[in-house]
Amino acid sequence: MNSETVVTILCGLAILVGVAGTVIPVLPGSILIGAALLTWAIWGGAGTVGWVVFAVGMLFVAAGMAASAVLTGRKLKQHAIPGHSIVVGIVAGVVGMFIIPVAGLFIGFAAGLLLSEVARTRNLGTAATSSWAALKATGLGMLAEFGLACLAASTWVAGVWVAALNG
């Protein structure tokens, strides 16, 4: 097995982890995909194809990160949800991940967010409404980033095929 094949395999694994990381916050996401695309363009042996794949893939990665930030941020501002409530949710999600494997991340995030909002608003109904809005906004942002990360990964797969057929 030559070094270009090893680079291609490792980049494919990194892209796979990156795509999963857009949904599972403890894994690196879009940034890992971008780094893998750049690595493959430099050392993957695909030449011009590698750089075209890098450019197109990075457009998808950047669009996904921007869409996630804009969609989530806009909804959080609309519902006046402060950043510290999200941070509490993230910390509770990480703790939950160790208490309840797999589902604990999401359960912990939702519970931490709700508790933080109850402490802030002093009203369970208001806290539940704002927490639900934050969960929907976060989910929508993750979905947009995941979809665009999948497009970046698909671009890489197509590039690997083109490079293999030309190489």
N, C-alpha and C. Protein backbone atom coordinates (compact mmCIF):
# COMPACT_ATOMS: atom_id res chain seq x y z
N MET A 1 0.85 -1.17 0.00
CA MET A 1 0.00 0.00 0.00
C MET A 1 0.91 1.24 0.00
N ASN A 2 0.67 2.14 -0.96
CA ASN A 2 1.51 3.33 -1.03
C ASN A 2 0.99 4.42 -0.09
N SER A 3 1.79 5.47 0.07
CA SER A 3 1.45 6.53 1.02
C SER A 3 0.18 7.29 0.63
N GLU A 4 -0.08 7.43 -0.67
CA GLU A 4 -1.29 8.14 -1.11
C GLU A 4 -2.55 7.37 -0.73
N THR A 5 -2.48 6.06 -0.79
CA THR A 5 -3.62 5.24 -0.39
C THR A 5 -3.86 5.36 1.11
N VAL A 6 -2.78 5.36 1.88
CA VAL A 6 -2.90 5.52 3.33
C VAL A 6 -3.52 6.88 3.66
N VAL A 7 -3.05 7.94 2.99
CA VAL A 7 -3.60 9.28 3.21
C VAL A 7 -5.09 9.29 2.86
N THR A 8 -5.46 8.66 1.76
CA THR A 8 -6.86 8.63 1.34
C THR A 8 -7.72 7.91 2.37
N ILE A 9 -7.25 6.79 2.87
CA ILE A 9 -8.01 6.03 3.88
C ILE A 9 -8.14 6.85 5.17
N LEU A 10 -7.06 7.44 5.63
CA LEU A 10 -7.10 8.23 6.85
C LEU A 10 -8.00 9.47 6.69
N CYS A 11 -7.93 10.09 5.53
CA CYS A 11 -8.79 11.24 5.28
C CYS A 11 -10.26 10.82 5.25
N GLY A 12 -10.54 9.67 4.66
CA GLY A 12 -11.91 9.17 4.65
C GLY A 12 -12.44 8.92 6.06
N LEU A 13 -11.59 8.35 6.91
CA LEU A 13 -12.00 8.12 8.30
C LEU A 13 -12.21 9.44 9.04
N ALA A 14 -11.32 10.41 8.78
CA ALA A 14 -11.46 11.72 9.42
C ALA A 14 -12.74 12.41 8.95
N ILE A 15 -13.06 12.30 7.68
CA ILE A 15 -14.29 12.90 7.16
C ILE A 15 -15.50 12.23 7.80
N LEU A 16 -15.47 10.93 7.94
CA LEU A 16 -16.56 10.21 8.58
C LEU A 16 -16.76 10.68 10.02
N VAL A 17 -15.68 10.81 10.76
CA VAL A 17 -15.77 11.32 12.14
C VAL A 17 -16.28 12.76 12.14
N GLY A 18 -15.82 13.55 11.17
CA GLY A 18 -16.27 14.94 11.07
C GLY A 18 -17.76 15.05 10.81
N VAL A 19 -18.27 14.20 9.92
CA VAL A 19 -19.72 14.21 9.64
C VAL A 19 -20.49 13.83 10.92
N ALA A 20 -20.02 12.82 11.62
CA ALA A 20 -20.66 12.44 12.88
C ALA A 20 -20.55 13.57 13.90
N GLY A 21 -19.45 14.29 13.86
CA GLY A 21 -19.22 15.38 14.81
C GLY A 21 -20.15 16.57 14.63
N THR A 22 -20.81 16.66 13.48
CA THR A 22 -21.79 17.73 13.32
C THR A 22 -23.06 17.46 14.11
N VAL A 23 -23.25 16.20 14.48
CA VAL A 23 -24.43 15.81 15.25
C VAL A 23 -24.07 15.48 16.70
N ILE A 24 -22.89 14.96 16.91
CA ILE A 24 -22.42 14.59 18.25
C ILE A 24 -21.38 15.63 18.67
N PRO A 25 -21.77 16.59 19.50
CA PRO A 25 -20.91 17.74 19.79
C PRO A 25 -19.55 17.44 20.40
N VAL A 26 -19.34 16.27 21.00
CA VAL A 26 -18.05 15.99 21.60
C VAL A 26 -17.01 15.56 20.56
N LEU A 27 -17.44 15.27 19.35
CA LEU A 27 -16.51 14.93 18.27
C LEU A 27 -16.24 16.18 17.45
N PRO A 28 -15.02 16.27 16.88
CA PRO A 28 -14.77 17.41 15.98
C PRO A 28 -15.64 17.27 14.74
N GLY A 29 -16.16 18.37 14.23
CA GLY A 29 -17.09 18.31 13.11
C GLY A 29 -16.55 18.87 11.82
N SER A 30 -17.12 19.96 11.40
CA SER A 30 -16.82 20.54 10.10
C SER A 30 -15.35 20.92 9.94
N ILE A 31 -14.73 21.37 11.00
CA ILE A 31 -13.32 21.77 10.91
C ILE A 31 -12.46 20.54 10.59
N LEU A 32 -12.79 19.39 11.15
CA LEU A 32 -12.05 18.17 10.84
C LEU A 32 -12.24 17.79 9.37
N ILE A 33 -13.44 17.97 8.85
CA ILE A 33 -13.70 17.68 7.44
C ILE A 33 -12.82 18.57 6.57
N GLY A 34 -12.78 19.86 6.88
CA GLY A 34 -11.95 20.80 6.12
C GLY A 34 -10.48 20.43 6.18
N ALA A 35 -9.99 20.04 7.36
CA ALA A 35 -8.59 19.64 7.50
C ALA A 35 -8.30 18.38 6.69
N ALA A 36 -9.24 17.43 6.69
CA ALA A 36 -9.05 16.19 5.93
C ALA A 36 -9.05 16.47 4.43
N LEU A 37 -9.93 17.36 3.99
CA LEU A 37 -9.94 17.72 2.57
C LEU A 37 -8.63 18.37 2.16
N LEU A 38 -8.11 19.26 3.00
CA LEU A 38 -6.82 19.90 2.70
C LEU A 38 -5.69 18.89 2.69
N THR A 39 -5.69 18.00 3.65
CA THR A 39 -4.66 16.95 3.71
C THR A 39 -4.69 16.09 2.46
N TRP A 40 -5.89 15.72 2.03
CA TRP A 40 -6.02 14.89 0.83
C TRP A 40 -5.57 15.65 -0.41
N ALA A 41 -5.87 16.94 -0.47
CA ALA A 41 -5.45 17.75 -1.62
C ALA A 41 -3.93 17.84 -1.69
N ILE A 42 -3.29 17.94 -0.53
CA ILE A 42 -1.83 18.08 -0.51
C ILE A 42 -1.13 16.75 -0.72
N TRP A 43 -1.53 15.72 0.02
CA TRP A 43 -0.78 14.46 0.03
C TRP A 43 -1.53 13.27 -0.55
N GLY A 44 -2.74 13.47 -1.05
CA GLY A 44 -3.53 12.36 -1.56
C GLY A 44 -3.16 11.91 -2.96
N GLY A 45 -2.34 12.67 -3.64
CA GLY A 45 -1.89 12.28 -4.98
C GLY A 45 -2.91 12.49 -6.07
N ALA A 46 -3.93 13.31 -5.81
CA ALA A 46 -4.98 13.51 -6.81
C ALA A 46 -4.71 14.71 -7.72
N GLY A 47 -3.69 15.48 -7.41
CA GLY A 47 -3.34 16.63 -8.25
C GLY A 47 -4.44 17.68 -8.27
N THR A 48 -4.78 18.12 -9.48
CA THR A 48 -5.78 19.16 -9.66
C THR A 48 -7.14 18.73 -9.10
N VAL A 49 -7.48 17.48 -9.27
CA VAL A 49 -8.75 16.96 -8.74
C VAL A 49 -8.83 17.18 -7.23
N GLY A 50 -7.73 16.94 -6.55
CA GLY A 50 -7.69 17.12 -5.10
C GLY A 50 -7.97 18.56 -4.69
N TRP A 51 -7.42 19.50 -5.46
CA TRP A 51 -7.63 20.91 -5.12
C TRP A 51 -9.04 21.37 -5.47
N VAL A 52 -9.61 20.83 -6.54
CA VAL A 52 -10.99 21.17 -6.88
C VAL A 52 -11.93 20.62 -5.80
N VAL A 53 -11.68 19.39 -5.39
CA VAL A 53 -12.49 18.77 -4.32
C VAL A 53 -12.34 19.58 -3.03
N PHE A 54 -11.13 20.01 -2.72
CA PHE A 54 -10.91 20.83 -1.52
C PHE A 54 -11.73 22.12 -1.60
N ALA A 55 -11.67 22.81 -2.74
CA ALA A 55 -12.38 24.08 -2.89
C ALA A 55 -13.89 23.90 -2.77
N VAL A 56 -14.44 22.93 -3.48
CA VAL A 56 -15.89 22.70 -3.45
C VAL A 56 -16.31 22.21 -2.06
N GLY A 57 -15.55 21.28 -1.53
CA GLY A 57 -15.87 20.75 -0.19
C GLY A 57 -15.82 21.84 0.87
N MET A 58 -14.85 22.74 0.78
CA MET A 58 -14.76 23.82 1.76
C MET A 58 -15.91 24.81 1.63
N LEU A 59 -16.43 24.97 0.42
CA LEU A 59 -17.64 25.80 0.27
C LEU A 59 -18.80 25.20 1.06
N PHE A 60 -18.95 23.88 0.95
CA PHE A 60 -20.00 23.20 1.71
C PHE A 60 -19.75 23.30 3.22
N VAL A 61 -18.50 23.09 3.63
CA VAL A 61 -18.16 23.15 5.05
C VAL A 61 -18.43 24.55 5.61
N ALA A 62 -17.97 25.57 4.90
CA ALA A 62 -18.17 26.94 5.37
C ALA A 62 -19.65 27.30 5.40
N ALA A 63 -20.39 26.87 4.37
CA ALA A 63 -21.83 27.14 4.34
C ALA A 63 -22.53 26.44 5.51
N GLY A 64 -22.12 25.23 5.82
CA GLY A 64 -22.72 24.49 6.93
C GLY A 64 -22.46 25.15 8.27
N MET A 65 -21.22 25.58 8.48
CA MET A 65 -20.88 26.24 9.74
C MET A 65 -21.63 27.57 9.87
N ALA A 66 -21.69 28.31 8.78
CA ALA A 66 -22.39 29.60 8.80
C ALA A 66 -23.89 29.41 9.01
N ALA A 67 -24.46 28.44 8.31
CA ALA A 67 -25.90 28.19 8.45
C ALA A 67 -26.23 27.78 9.87
N SER A 68 -25.42 26.93 10.45
CA SER A 68 -25.65 26.50 11.82
C SER A 68 -25.61 27.68 12.78
N ALA A 69 -24.59 28.50 12.63
CA ALA A 69 -24.45 29.65 13.53
C ALA A 69 -25.59 30.66 13.35
N VAL A 70 -25.93 30.94 12.10
CA VAL A 70 -26.97 31.94 11.83
C VAL A 70 -28.34 31.43 12.27
N LEU A 71 -28.68 30.21 11.88
CA LEU A 71 -30.00 29.67 12.24
C LEU A 71 -30.18 29.57 13.75
N THR A 72 -29.16 29.04 14.41
CA THR A 72 -29.24 28.87 15.86
C THR A 72 -29.23 30.22 16.56
N GLY A 73 -28.29 31.07 16.19
CA GLY A 73 -28.15 32.37 16.85
C GLY A 73 -29.38 33.24 16.69
N ARG A 74 -29.95 33.24 15.50
CA ARG A 74 -31.13 34.07 15.25
C ARG A 74 -32.30 33.63 16.14
N LYS A 75 -32.52 32.34 16.21
CA LYS A 75 -33.64 31.84 17.03
C LYS A 75 -33.40 32.10 18.52
N LEU A 76 -32.16 31.94 18.96
CA LEU A 76 -31.87 32.19 20.38
C LEU A 76 -32.09 33.66 20.72
N LYS A 77 -31.73 34.55 19.81
CA LYS A 77 -31.95 35.98 20.04
C LYS A 77 -33.44 36.31 20.03
N GLN A 78 -34.19 35.68 19.12
CA GLN A 78 -35.63 35.92 19.05
C GLN A 78 -36.32 35.57 20.37
N HIS A 79 -35.85 34.52 21.01
CA HIS A 79 -36.46 34.06 22.26
C HIS A 79 -35.71 34.57 23.49
N ALA A 80 -34.74 35.47 23.28
CA ALA A 80 -33.97 36.08 24.37
C ALA A 80 -33.36 35.05 25.31
N ILE A 81 -32.77 34.02 24.73
CA ILE A 81 -32.14 32.97 25.54
C ILE A 81 -30.66 33.32 25.66
N PRO A 82 -30.17 33.54 26.89
CA PRO A 82 -28.77 33.94 27.07
C PRO A 82 -27.80 32.80 26.81
N GLY A 83 -26.58 33.18 26.49
CA GLY A 83 -25.53 32.19 26.21
C GLY A 83 -25.22 31.30 27.39
N HIS A 84 -25.34 31.83 28.60
CA HIS A 84 -25.00 31.00 29.76
C HIS A 84 -25.96 29.81 29.91
N SER A 85 -27.19 29.95 29.46
CA SER A 85 -28.13 28.81 29.52
C SER A 85 -27.67 27.71 28.57
N ILE A 86 -27.17 28.10 27.41
CA ILE A 86 -26.65 27.11 26.45
C ILE A 86 -25.41 26.44 27.02
N VAL A 87 -24.54 27.21 27.65
CA VAL A 87 -23.32 26.64 28.25
C VAL A 87 -23.68 25.64 29.33
N VAL A 88 -24.66 25.98 30.17
CA VAL A 88 -25.11 25.05 31.22
C VAL A 88 -25.64 23.78 30.57
N GLY A 89 -26.40 23.92 29.48
CA GLY A 89 -26.91 22.76 28.76
C GLY A 89 -25.79 21.89 28.21
N ILE A 90 -24.78 22.51 27.65
CA ILE A 90 -23.64 21.75 27.09
C ILE A 90 -22.90 21.00 28.20
N VAL A 91 -22.64 21.68 29.31
CA VAL A 91 -21.95 21.02 30.42
C VAL A 91 -22.79 19.85 30.95
N ALA A 92 -24.08 20.07 31.11
CA ALA A 92 -24.96 18.98 31.57
C ALA A 92 -25.01 17.85 30.55
N GLY A 93 -24.94 18.18 29.28
CA GLY A 93 -24.91 17.16 28.24
C GLY A 93 -23.67 16.30 28.31
N VAL A 94 -22.52 16.93 28.54
CA VAL A 94 -21.27 16.18 28.66
C VAL A 94 -21.33 15.27 29.89
N VAL A 95 -21.84 15.79 30.99
CA VAL A 95 -21.99 14.97 32.20
C VAL A 95 -22.97 13.82 31.92
N GLY A 96 -24.08 14.15 31.28
CA GLY A 96 -25.08 13.13 30.95
C GLY A 96 -24.54 12.02 30.07
N MET A 97 -23.60 12.38 29.20
CA MET A 97 -23.01 11.40 28.30
C MET A 97 -22.30 10.29 29.08
N PHE A 98 -21.73 10.65 30.22
CA PHE A 98 -21.03 9.65 31.03
C PHE A 98 -21.99 8.87 31.93
N ILE A 99 -23.12 9.46 32.24
CA ILE A 99 -24.10 8.78 33.09
C ILE A 99 -24.98 7.84 32.28
N ILE A 100 -25.45 8.32 31.13
CA ILE A 100 -26.30 7.51 30.25
C ILE A 100 -25.61 7.46 28.89
N PRO A 101 -24.99 6.35 28.54
CA PRO A 101 -24.29 6.28 27.25
C PRO A 101 -25.22 6.62 26.08
N VAL A 102 -24.70 7.32 25.11
CA VAL A 102 -25.34 7.76 23.87
C VAL A 102 -26.43 8.80 24.11
N ALA A 103 -27.54 8.42 24.70
CA ALA A 103 -28.68 9.33 24.87
C ALA A 103 -28.42 10.39 25.94
N GLY A 104 -27.49 10.14 26.84
CA GLY A 104 -27.22 11.07 27.93
C GLY A 104 -26.80 12.44 27.48
N LEU A 105 -26.12 12.52 26.35
CA LEU A 105 -25.69 13.81 25.83
C LEU A 105 -26.89 14.70 25.54
N PHE A 106 -27.88 14.15 24.86
CA PHE A 106 -29.06 14.91 24.48
C PHE A 106 -29.98 15.16 25.67
N ILE A 107 -30.15 14.14 26.52
CA ILE A 107 -30.99 14.29 27.71
C ILE A 107 -30.37 15.31 28.67
N GLY A 108 -29.06 15.20 28.87
CA GLY A 108 -28.37 16.13 29.75
C GLY A 108 -28.44 17.56 29.24
N PHE A 109 -28.27 17.75 27.93
CA PHE A 109 -28.36 19.09 27.36
C PHE A 109 -29.74 19.69 27.59
N ALA A 110 -30.77 18.91 27.29
CA ALA A 110 -32.15 19.40 27.46
C ALA A 110 -32.44 19.70 28.93
N ALA A 111 -32.04 18.82 29.82
CA ALA A 111 -32.29 19.02 31.25
C ALA A 111 -31.52 20.22 31.79
N GLY A 112 -30.26 20.32 31.42
CA GLY A 112 -29.45 21.45 31.87
C GLY A 112 -29.99 22.78 31.37
N LEU A 113 -30.41 22.79 30.12
CA LEU A 113 -30.99 24.01 29.54
C LEU A 113 -32.27 24.39 30.28
N LEU A 114 -33.12 23.42 30.51
CA LEU A 114 -34.39 23.69 31.21
C LEU A 114 -34.13 24.21 32.62
N LEU A 115 -33.23 23.56 33.36
CA LEU A 115 -32.94 23.99 34.73
C LEU A 115 -32.35 25.39 34.76
N SER A 116 -31.49 25.69 33.80
CA SER A 116 -30.91 27.03 33.74
C SER A 116 -31.97 28.08 33.44
N GLU A 117 -32.88 27.74 32.54
CA GLU A 117 -33.96 28.67 32.20
C GLU A 117 -34.95 28.83 33.36
N VAL A 118 -35.21 27.76 34.11
CA VAL A 118 -36.08 27.87 35.29
C VAL A 118 -35.42 28.80 36.31
N ALA A 119 -34.12 28.64 36.51
CA ALA A 119 -33.41 29.50 37.46
C ALA A 119 -33.43 30.96 36.99
N ARG A 120 -33.35 31.17 35.70
CA ARG A 120 -33.32 32.54 35.16
C ARG A 120 -34.71 33.18 35.18
N THR A 121 -35.73 32.45 34.73
CA THR A 121 -37.07 33.05 34.58
C THR A 121 -37.96 32.90 35.81
N ARG A 122 -37.66 31.93 36.67
CA ARG A 122 -38.47 31.64 37.85
C ARG A 122 -39.89 31.22 37.50
N ASN A 123 -40.06 30.67 36.27
CA ASN A 123 -41.38 30.24 35.81
C ASN A 123 -41.18 29.02 34.93
N LEU A 124 -41.74 27.88 35.34
CA LEU A 124 -41.54 26.64 34.60
C LEU A 124 -42.12 26.70 33.19
N GLY A 125 -43.27 27.30 33.04
CA GLY A 125 -43.90 27.39 31.71
C GLY A 125 -43.06 28.21 30.74
N THR A 126 -42.60 29.35 31.19
CA THR A 126 -41.75 30.22 30.36
C THR A 126 -40.43 29.51 30.05
N ALA A 127 -39.86 28.87 31.07
CA ALA A 127 -38.60 28.15 30.88
C ALA A 127 -38.76 27.00 29.89
N ALA A 128 -39.86 26.29 29.98
CA ALA A 128 -40.11 25.17 29.06
C ALA A 128 -40.26 25.68 27.63
N THR A 129 -40.96 26.80 27.46
CA THR A 129 -41.15 27.37 26.13
C THR A 129 -39.82 27.82 25.53
N SER A 130 -39.03 28.54 26.32
CA SER A 130 -37.75 29.03 25.80
C SER A 130 -36.77 27.87 25.58
N SER A 131 -36.79 26.87 26.45
CA SER A 131 -35.91 25.71 26.28
C SER A 131 -36.28 24.93 25.02
N TRP A 132 -37.57 24.76 24.79
CA TRP A 132 -38.02 24.06 23.58
C TRP A 132 -37.59 24.82 22.33
N ALA A 133 -37.69 26.14 22.38
CA ALA A 133 -37.26 26.97 21.24
C ALA A 133 -35.75 26.82 21.02
N ALA A 134 -34.99 26.78 22.11
CA ALA A 134 -33.53 26.62 21.99
C ALA A 134 -33.18 25.24 21.44
N LEU A 135 -33.91 24.21 21.89
CA LEU A 135 -33.65 22.86 21.38
C LEU A 135 -33.97 22.76 19.89
N LYS A 136 -35.08 23.37 19.47
CA LYS A 136 -35.43 23.35 18.04
C LYS A 136 -34.39 24.12 17.23
N ALA A 137 -33.95 25.27 17.74
CA ALA A 137 -32.96 26.07 17.03
C ALA A 137 -31.64 25.32 16.90
N THR A 138 -31.22 24.68 17.99
CA THR A 138 -29.99 23.90 17.96
C THR A 138 -30.11 22.73 17.00
N GLY A 139 -31.24 22.06 17.02
CA GLY A 139 -31.46 20.93 16.11
C GLY A 139 -31.47 21.36 14.65
N LEU A 140 -32.10 22.49 14.38
CA LEU A 140 -32.14 23.00 13.01
C LEU A 140 -30.74 23.36 12.52
N GLY A 141 -29.97 24.00 13.38
CA GLY A 141 -28.59 24.33 13.02
C GLY A 141 -27.75 23.09 12.78
N MET A 142 -27.91 22.10 13.64
CA MET A 142 -27.17 20.84 13.48
C MET A 142 -27.58 20.14 12.19
N LEU A 143 -28.86 20.15 11.89
CA LEU A 143 -29.35 19.51 10.67
C LEU A 143 -28.77 20.17 9.42
N ALA A 144 -28.74 21.49 9.41
CA ALA A 144 -28.18 22.21 8.26
C ALA A 144 -26.69 21.89 8.11
N GLU A 145 -25.96 21.92 9.22
CA GLU A 145 -24.52 21.64 9.15
C GLU A 145 -24.28 20.18 8.75
N PHE A 146 -25.09 19.27 9.27
CA PHE A 146 -24.94 17.85 8.91
C PHE A 146 -25.17 17.63 7.42
N GLY A 147 -26.23 18.24 6.89
CA GLY A 147 -26.53 18.08 5.45
C GLY A 147 -25.40 18.60 4.58
N LEU A 148 -24.87 19.76 4.93
CA LEU A 148 -23.78 20.32 4.13
C LEU A 148 -22.48 19.56 4.34
N ALA A 149 -22.27 19.00 5.53
CA ALA A 149 -21.10 18.15 5.75
C ALA A 149 -21.20 16.87 4.90
N CYS A 150 -22.40 16.34 4.77
CA CYS A 150 -22.61 15.17 3.91
C CYS A 150 -22.31 15.51 2.45
N LEU A 151 -22.68 16.71 2.03
CA LEU A 151 -22.35 17.13 0.66
C LEU A 151 -20.84 17.26 0.47
N ALA A 152 -20.15 17.78 1.48
CA ALA A 152 -18.68 17.87 1.41
C ALA A 152 -18.07 16.47 1.34
N ALA A 153 -18.60 15.55 2.14
CA ALA A 153 -18.10 14.17 2.12
C ALA A 153 -18.37 13.51 0.78
N SER A 154 -19.54 13.76 0.22
CA SER A 154 -19.89 13.20 -1.09
C SER A 154 -18.98 13.77 -2.18
N THR A 155 -18.63 15.03 -2.06
CA THR A 155 -17.70 15.64 -3.00
C THR A 155 -16.36 14.93 -2.94
N TRP A 156 -15.90 14.64 -1.73
CA TRP A 156 -14.64 13.93 -1.58
C TRP A 156 -14.71 12.52 -2.19
N VAL A 157 -15.81 11.82 -1.93
CA VAL A 157 -15.97 10.47 -2.49
C VAL A 157 -15.92 10.53 -4.03
N ALA A 158 -16.63 11.49 -4.60
CA ALA A 158 -16.60 11.64 -6.06
C ALA A 158 -15.19 11.95 -6.54
N GLY A 159 -14.48 12.79 -5.79
CA GLY A 159 -13.10 13.12 -6.14
C GLY A 159 -12.18 11.91 -6.08
N VAL A 160 -12.38 11.07 -5.08
CA VAL A 160 -11.57 9.85 -4.98
C VAL A 160 -11.81 8.97 -6.21
N TRP A 161 -13.07 8.84 -6.62
CA TRP A 161 -13.39 8.03 -7.80
C TRP A 161 -12.76 8.63 -9.07
N VAL A 162 -12.89 9.94 -9.24
CA VAL A 162 -12.31 10.58 -10.41
C VAL A 162 -10.80 10.42 -10.41
N ALA A 163 -10.16 10.62 -9.27
CA ALA A 163 -8.71 10.49 -9.18
C ALA A 163 -8.28 9.04 -9.48
N ALA A 164 -9.06 8.07 -8.98
CA ALA A 164 -8.72 6.66 -9.22
C ALA A 164 -8.88 6.32 -10.71
N LEU A 165 -9.90 6.84 -11.35
CA LEU A 165 -10.11 6.56 -12.78
C LEU A 165 -9.06 7.24 -13.65
N ASN A 166 -8.57 8.40 -13.21
CA ASN A 166 -7.56 9.12 -13.98
C ASN A 166 -6.16 8.70 -13.64
N GLY A 167 -5.99 8.06 -12.51
CA GLY A 167 -4.64 7.78 -12.00
C GLY A 167 -4.13 6.46 -12.36
